[in-house]
Amino acid sequence: MLENITINGRELLVFVILAVVLATVVYLLESVLFSRRRHPPDSSALVARLTALEATLALHQERLERLEAKPPQESALDTQANTYAEAMRMARAGASAQDLAGNLGISRSEAELIIALQRGEA
């Protein structure tokens, strides 16, 4: 039965075009039907979420300000500890008390104490 069916190029082209048109129509119908089912997001839920995020951000900003004002000891934010560590390095390298005081912004007596401490460790 199928042996008697012959399809030439033109009939095959028409068949492919009809299949593409049918697939396009089905796609467009599905797009229209499913787009109606979508609901816009609930704006009150978004506002509540945004408010919660703003509160969290405010808490983190406050915490950051407290850390910047008085960082924990041994922290990279503790500039005073970093200054004294740099003073110790300079003292080991042979810097004078005047050099330490001038370069690091510490008092001369602090610089002399650091040099004395460094000498005692050596």
N, C-alpha and C. Protein backbone atom coordinates (compact mmCIF):
# COMPACT_ATOMS: atom_id res chain seq x y z
N MET A 1 0.81 -1.18 0.00
CA MET A 1 0.00 0.00 0.00
C MET A 1 0.86 1.26 0.00
N LEU A 2 1.91 1.29 0.84
CA LEU A 2 2.77 2.45 0.87
C LEU A 2 3.69 2.51 -0.34
N GLU A 3 3.82 1.38 -1.05
CA GLU A 3 4.68 1.38 -2.22
C GLU A 3 4.12 2.26 -3.34
N ASN A 4 2.81 2.46 -3.35
CA ASN A 4 2.18 3.23 -4.42
C ASN A 4 2.22 4.74 -4.16
N ILE A 5 2.61 5.16 -2.96
CA ILE A 5 2.63 6.60 -2.64
C ILE A 5 3.98 7.16 -3.06
N THR A 6 3.92 8.20 -3.84
CA THR A 6 5.13 8.91 -4.22
C THR A 6 4.94 10.39 -3.90
N ILE A 7 6.00 10.97 -3.36
CA ILE A 7 5.94 12.40 -3.00
C ILE A 7 7.06 13.08 -3.75
N ASN A 8 6.68 14.09 -4.51
CA ASN A 8 7.73 14.84 -5.20
C ASN A 8 8.21 16.00 -4.32
N GLY A 9 9.21 16.72 -4.79
CA GLY A 9 9.82 17.80 -4.00
C GLY A 9 8.85 18.90 -3.65
N ARG A 10 7.97 19.24 -4.58
CA ARG A 10 7.01 20.32 -4.34
C ARG A 10 6.04 19.94 -3.23
N GLU A 11 5.53 18.70 -3.24
CA GLU A 11 4.59 18.24 -2.20
C GLU A 11 5.28 18.20 -0.84
N LEU A 12 6.54 17.76 -0.84
CA LEU A 12 7.28 17.73 0.41
C LEU A 12 7.48 19.13 0.97
N LEU A 13 7.78 20.09 0.11
CA LEU A 13 7.96 21.48 0.54
C LEU A 13 6.67 22.03 1.12
N VAL A 14 5.53 21.77 0.47
CA VAL A 14 4.24 22.23 0.97
C VAL A 14 3.96 21.61 2.34
N PHE A 15 4.26 20.32 2.49
CA PHE A 15 4.04 19.64 3.75
C PHE A 15 4.88 20.26 4.87
N VAL A 16 6.15 20.57 4.60
CA VAL A 16 7.04 21.18 5.60
C VAL A 16 6.54 22.57 5.97
N ILE A 17 6.12 23.34 4.98
CA ILE A 17 5.61 24.68 5.25
C ILE A 17 4.37 24.62 6.12
N LEU A 18 3.46 23.70 5.81
CA LEU A 18 2.25 23.55 6.63
C LEU A 18 2.60 23.13 8.06
N ALA A 19 3.59 22.26 8.21
CA ALA A 19 3.99 21.82 9.54
C ALA A 19 4.58 22.99 10.34
N VAL A 20 5.38 23.82 9.69
CA VAL A 20 5.96 24.98 10.36
C VAL A 20 4.88 25.97 10.75
N VAL A 21 3.95 26.22 9.86
CA VAL A 21 2.85 27.15 10.15
C VAL A 21 2.02 26.62 11.31
N LEU A 22 1.71 25.33 11.30
CA LEU A 22 0.92 24.74 12.37
C LEU A 22 1.67 24.83 13.71
N ALA A 23 2.96 24.55 13.71
CA ALA A 23 3.76 24.63 14.94
C ALA A 23 3.80 26.07 15.46
N THR A 24 3.89 27.04 14.56
CA THR A 24 3.91 28.45 14.95
C THR A 24 2.59 28.86 15.57
N VAL A 25 1.49 28.43 14.96
CA VAL A 25 0.16 28.76 15.49
C VAL A 25 0.00 28.15 16.89
N VAL A 26 0.40 26.91 17.05
CA VAL A 26 0.29 26.26 18.37
C VAL A 26 1.14 27.01 19.39
N TYR A 27 2.35 27.40 19.02
CA TYR A 27 3.23 28.14 19.93
C TYR A 27 2.61 29.46 20.34
N LEU A 28 2.07 30.19 19.38
CA LEU A 28 1.46 31.48 19.69
C LEU A 28 0.24 31.32 20.60
N LEU A 29 -0.59 30.30 20.35
CA LEU A 29 -1.74 30.06 21.21
C LEU A 29 -1.31 29.73 22.64
N GLU A 30 -0.29 28.89 22.78
CA GLU A 30 0.22 28.56 24.12
C GLU A 30 0.77 29.80 24.81
N SER A 31 1.48 30.64 24.07
CA SER A 31 2.04 31.86 24.66
C SER A 31 0.94 32.77 25.18
N VAL A 32 -0.11 32.92 24.40
CA VAL A 32 -1.22 33.79 24.81
C VAL A 32 -1.93 33.20 26.01
N LEU A 33 -2.22 31.92 25.98
CA LEU A 33 -2.94 31.29 27.09
C LEU A 33 -2.14 31.30 28.38
N PHE A 34 -0.84 30.98 28.30
CA PHE A 34 -0.04 30.93 29.52
C PHE A 34 0.32 32.31 30.04
N SER A 35 0.37 33.31 29.17
CA SER A 35 0.68 34.65 29.65
C SER A 35 -0.47 35.21 30.47
N ARG A 36 -1.68 34.77 30.22
CA ARG A 36 -2.83 35.22 31.02
C ARG A 36 -2.82 34.60 32.41
N ARG A 37 -2.19 33.45 32.55
CA ARG A 37 -2.16 32.78 33.85
C ARG A 37 -1.14 33.39 34.80
N ARG A 38 -0.19 34.07 34.26
CA ARG A 38 0.83 34.69 35.10
C ARG A 38 0.22 35.85 35.87
N HIS A 39 0.58 35.92 37.14
CA HIS A 39 0.10 37.02 37.97
C HIS A 39 1.27 37.92 38.30
N PRO A 40 1.05 39.19 38.33
CA PRO A 40 2.15 40.08 38.72
C PRO A 40 2.54 39.78 40.18
N PRO A 41 3.79 39.99 40.53
CA PRO A 41 4.21 39.70 41.91
C PRO A 41 3.46 40.58 42.89
N ASP A 42 3.26 40.04 44.06
CA ASP A 42 2.55 40.76 45.12
C ASP A 42 3.44 41.90 45.61
N SER A 43 3.00 43.12 45.38
CA SER A 43 3.85 44.27 45.72
C SER A 43 4.01 44.43 47.22
N SER A 44 3.03 44.02 48.01
CA SER A 44 3.18 44.16 49.47
C SER A 44 4.27 43.22 49.99
N ALA A 45 4.39 42.03 49.39
CA ALA A 45 5.45 41.11 49.80
C ALA A 45 6.82 41.68 49.42
N LEU A 46 6.90 42.30 48.25
CA LEU A 46 8.17 42.91 47.83
C LEU A 46 8.55 44.08 48.74
N VAL A 47 7.56 44.87 49.14
CA VAL A 47 7.83 46.00 50.03
C VAL A 47 8.30 45.49 51.38
N ALA A 48 7.67 44.43 51.89
CA ALA A 48 8.09 43.86 53.17
C ALA A 48 9.52 43.33 53.09
N ARG A 49 9.83 42.66 51.99
CA ARG A 49 11.19 42.12 51.82
C ARG A 49 12.21 43.25 51.73
N LEU A 50 11.87 44.30 51.00
CA LEU A 50 12.76 45.45 50.88
C LEU A 50 12.98 46.13 52.23
N THR A 51 11.93 46.25 53.02
CA THR A 51 12.05 46.85 54.35
C THR A 51 12.96 46.02 55.24
N ALA A 52 12.82 44.68 55.16
CA ALA A 52 13.67 43.80 55.96
C ALA A 52 15.13 43.94 55.53
N LEU A 53 15.37 44.03 54.22
CA LEU A 53 16.74 44.18 53.73
C LEU A 53 17.33 45.52 54.15
N GLU A 54 16.53 46.57 54.15
CA GLU A 54 17.02 47.88 54.58
C GLU A 54 17.38 47.86 56.06
N ALA A 55 16.58 47.17 56.88
CA ALA A 55 16.88 47.07 58.30
C ALA A 55 18.18 46.32 58.52
N THR A 56 18.37 45.24 57.78
CA THR A 56 19.61 44.46 57.88
C THR A 56 20.80 45.31 57.46
N LEU A 57 20.64 46.05 56.39
CA LEU A 57 21.72 46.93 55.92
C LEU A 57 22.06 47.98 56.97
N ALA A 58 21.06 48.54 57.62
CA ALA A 58 21.31 49.55 58.65
C ALA A 58 22.08 48.94 59.82
N LEU A 59 21.75 47.70 60.20
CA LEU A 59 22.48 47.03 61.28
C LEU A 59 23.94 46.81 60.90
N HIS A 60 24.17 46.40 59.66
CA HIS A 60 25.54 46.17 59.22
C HIS A 60 26.33 47.48 59.13
N GLN A 61 25.68 48.54 58.70
CA GLN A 61 26.36 49.83 58.65
C GLN A 61 26.76 50.29 60.05
N GLU A 62 25.85 50.11 61.01
CA GLU A 62 26.13 50.50 62.39
C GLU A 62 27.30 49.68 62.95
N ARG A 63 27.30 48.39 62.66
CA ARG A 63 28.38 47.52 63.14
C ARG A 63 29.72 47.93 62.53
N LEU A 64 29.69 48.23 61.23
CA LEU A 64 30.91 48.66 60.55
C LEU A 64 31.44 49.96 61.15
N GLU A 65 30.55 50.89 61.44
CA GLU A 65 30.98 52.16 62.04
C GLU A 65 31.60 51.93 63.41
N ARG A 66 31.02 51.00 64.21
CA ARG A 66 31.60 50.70 65.52
C ARG A 66 32.98 50.06 65.37
N LEU A 67 33.13 49.16 64.39
CA LEU A 67 34.43 48.52 64.17
C LEU A 67 35.47 49.53 63.71
N GLU A 68 35.06 50.46 62.86
CA GLU A 68 36.00 51.48 62.40
C GLU A 68 36.40 52.41 63.53
N ALA A 69 35.45 52.70 64.45
CA ALA A 69 35.74 53.59 65.56
C ALA A 69 36.69 52.93 66.56
N LYS A 70 36.47 51.65 66.87
CA LYS A 70 37.34 50.93 67.80
C LYS A 70 37.44 49.49 67.33
N PRO A 71 38.39 49.21 66.45
CA PRO A 71 38.53 47.85 65.93
C PRO A 71 39.04 46.91 67.01
N PRO A 72 38.73 45.63 66.88
CA PRO A 72 39.24 44.66 67.86
C PRO A 72 40.77 44.60 67.79
N GLN A 73 41.39 44.27 68.93
CA GLN A 73 42.84 44.16 68.94
C GLN A 73 43.27 43.03 68.02
N GLU A 74 44.45 43.15 67.48
CA GLU A 74 45.01 42.17 66.55
C GLU A 74 44.22 42.12 65.24
N SER A 75 43.48 43.15 64.94
CA SER A 75 42.71 43.22 63.70
C SER A 75 43.48 44.04 62.68
N ALA A 76 43.23 43.75 61.40
CA ALA A 76 43.87 44.54 60.34
C ALA A 76 43.36 45.98 60.36
N LEU A 77 42.17 46.19 60.99
CA LEU A 77 41.63 47.54 61.08
C LEU A 77 42.26 48.34 62.22
N ASP A 78 42.97 47.67 63.12
CA ASP A 78 43.57 48.32 64.27
C ASP A 78 44.84 49.05 63.82
N THR A 79 44.67 50.31 63.43
CA THR A 79 45.79 51.08 62.88
C THR A 79 46.87 51.35 63.91
N GLN A 80 46.47 51.45 65.18
CA GLN A 80 47.48 51.69 66.21
C GLN A 80 48.41 50.48 66.33
N ALA A 81 47.85 49.27 66.29
CA ALA A 81 48.68 48.07 66.35
C ALA A 81 49.58 47.99 65.12
N ASN A 82 49.04 48.37 63.97
CA ASN A 82 49.85 48.37 62.75
C ASN A 82 50.98 49.39 62.85
N THR A 83 50.71 50.53 63.46
CA THR A 83 51.74 51.56 63.63
C THR A 83 52.87 51.04 64.50
N TYR A 84 52.51 50.39 65.62
CA TYR A 84 53.54 49.87 66.51
C TYR A 84 54.30 48.72 65.88
N ALA A 85 53.64 47.90 65.08
CA ALA A 85 54.35 46.82 64.38
C ALA A 85 55.35 47.41 63.39
N GLU A 86 54.95 48.46 62.69
CA GLU A 86 55.86 49.13 61.75
C GLU A 86 57.02 49.78 62.50
N ALA A 87 56.72 50.34 63.68
CA ALA A 87 57.78 50.95 64.49
C ALA A 87 58.79 49.89 64.91
N MET A 88 58.32 48.72 65.29
CA MET A 88 59.25 47.63 65.67
C MET A 88 60.11 47.22 64.47
N ARG A 89 59.51 47.13 63.30
CA ARG A 89 60.29 46.78 62.10
C ARG A 89 61.36 47.83 61.82
N MET A 90 60.97 49.10 61.93
CA MET A 90 61.93 50.18 61.68
C MET A 90 63.04 50.17 62.73
N ALA A 91 62.67 49.88 64.00
CA ALA A 91 63.67 49.85 65.07
C ALA A 91 64.65 48.71 64.84
N ARG A 92 64.16 47.56 64.39
CA ARG A 92 65.06 46.44 64.07
C ARG A 92 66.02 46.81 62.94
N ALA A 93 65.53 47.65 62.02
CA ALA A 93 66.36 48.06 60.89
C ALA A 93 67.36 49.15 61.28
N GLY A 94 67.25 49.65 62.53
CA GLY A 94 68.22 50.63 63.00
C GLY A 94 67.76 52.07 62.93
N ALA A 95 66.49 52.32 62.78
CA ALA A 95 65.99 53.69 62.72
C ALA A 95 66.11 54.35 64.09
N SER A 96 66.28 55.66 64.07
CA SER A 96 66.40 56.39 65.33
C SER A 96 65.00 56.72 65.86
N ALA A 97 64.98 57.18 67.13
CA ALA A 97 63.70 57.56 67.74
C ALA A 97 63.08 58.73 66.99
N GLN A 98 63.91 59.64 66.53
CA GLN A 98 63.40 60.79 65.78
C GLN A 98 62.77 60.33 64.45
N ASP A 99 63.40 59.34 63.78
CA ASP A 99 62.84 58.81 62.54
C ASP A 99 61.48 58.15 62.80
N LEU A 100 61.41 57.36 63.86
CA LEU A 100 60.15 56.69 64.18
C LEU A 100 59.05 57.71 64.46
N ALA A 101 59.36 58.69 65.28
CA ALA A 101 58.36 59.70 65.64
C ALA A 101 57.91 60.49 64.41
N GLY A 102 58.85 60.86 63.58
CA GLY A 102 58.50 61.66 62.41
C GLY A 102 57.74 60.89 61.35
N ASN A 103 58.12 59.65 61.10
CA ASN A 103 57.49 58.87 60.03
C ASN A 103 56.15 58.24 60.43
N LEU A 104 56.01 57.92 61.71
CA LEU A 104 54.82 57.18 62.12
C LEU A 104 53.82 58.00 62.93
N GLY A 105 54.19 59.20 63.29
CA GLY A 105 53.25 60.06 64.02
C GLY A 105 53.08 59.65 65.47
N ILE A 106 54.11 59.06 66.06
CA ILE A 106 54.07 58.72 67.48
C ILE A 106 54.98 59.68 68.23
N SER A 107 54.81 59.72 69.55
CA SER A 107 55.63 60.66 70.32
C SER A 107 57.08 60.14 70.40
N ARG A 108 57.97 61.07 70.71
CA ARG A 108 59.39 60.69 70.79
C ARG A 108 59.63 59.70 71.93
N SER A 109 58.91 59.88 73.05
CA SER A 109 59.10 58.96 74.17
C SER A 109 58.60 57.55 73.80
N GLU A 110 57.51 57.47 73.02
CA GLU A 110 57.04 56.15 72.56
C GLU A 110 58.10 55.52 71.65
N ALA A 111 58.66 56.33 70.78
CA ALA A 111 59.68 55.81 69.87
C ALA A 111 60.89 55.32 70.64
N GLU A 112 61.32 56.06 71.67
CA GLU A 112 62.46 55.63 72.48
C GLU A 112 62.14 54.32 73.22
N LEU A 113 60.92 54.21 73.72
CA LEU A 113 60.51 52.98 74.41
C LEU A 113 60.54 51.79 73.45
N ILE A 114 60.05 51.99 72.23
CA ILE A 114 60.04 50.90 71.25
C ILE A 114 61.46 50.48 70.92
N ILE A 115 62.35 51.43 70.77
CA ILE A 115 63.76 51.09 70.47
C ILE A 115 64.36 50.35 71.65
N ALA A 116 64.06 50.79 72.87
CA ALA A 116 64.59 50.11 74.06
C ALA A 116 64.05 48.69 74.15
N LEU A 117 62.79 48.53 73.85
CA LEU A 117 62.19 47.17 73.87
C LEU A 117 62.83 46.30 72.82
N GLN A 118 63.10 46.85 71.67
CA GLN A 118 63.69 46.08 70.58
C GLN A 118 65.10 45.66 70.95
N ARG A 119 65.83 46.52 71.58
CA ARG A 119 67.20 46.19 72.01
C ARG A 119 67.17 45.08 73.06
N GLY A 120 66.16 45.13 73.95
CA GLY A 120 66.05 44.11 74.99
C GLY A 120 65.70 42.74 74.42
N GLU A 121 64.99 42.70 73.28
CA GLU A 121 64.63 41.42 72.66
C GLU A 121 65.81 40.80 71.94
N ALA A 122 66.72 41.63 71.44
CA ALA A 122 67.82 41.12 70.61
C ALA A 122 68.86 40.37 71.38
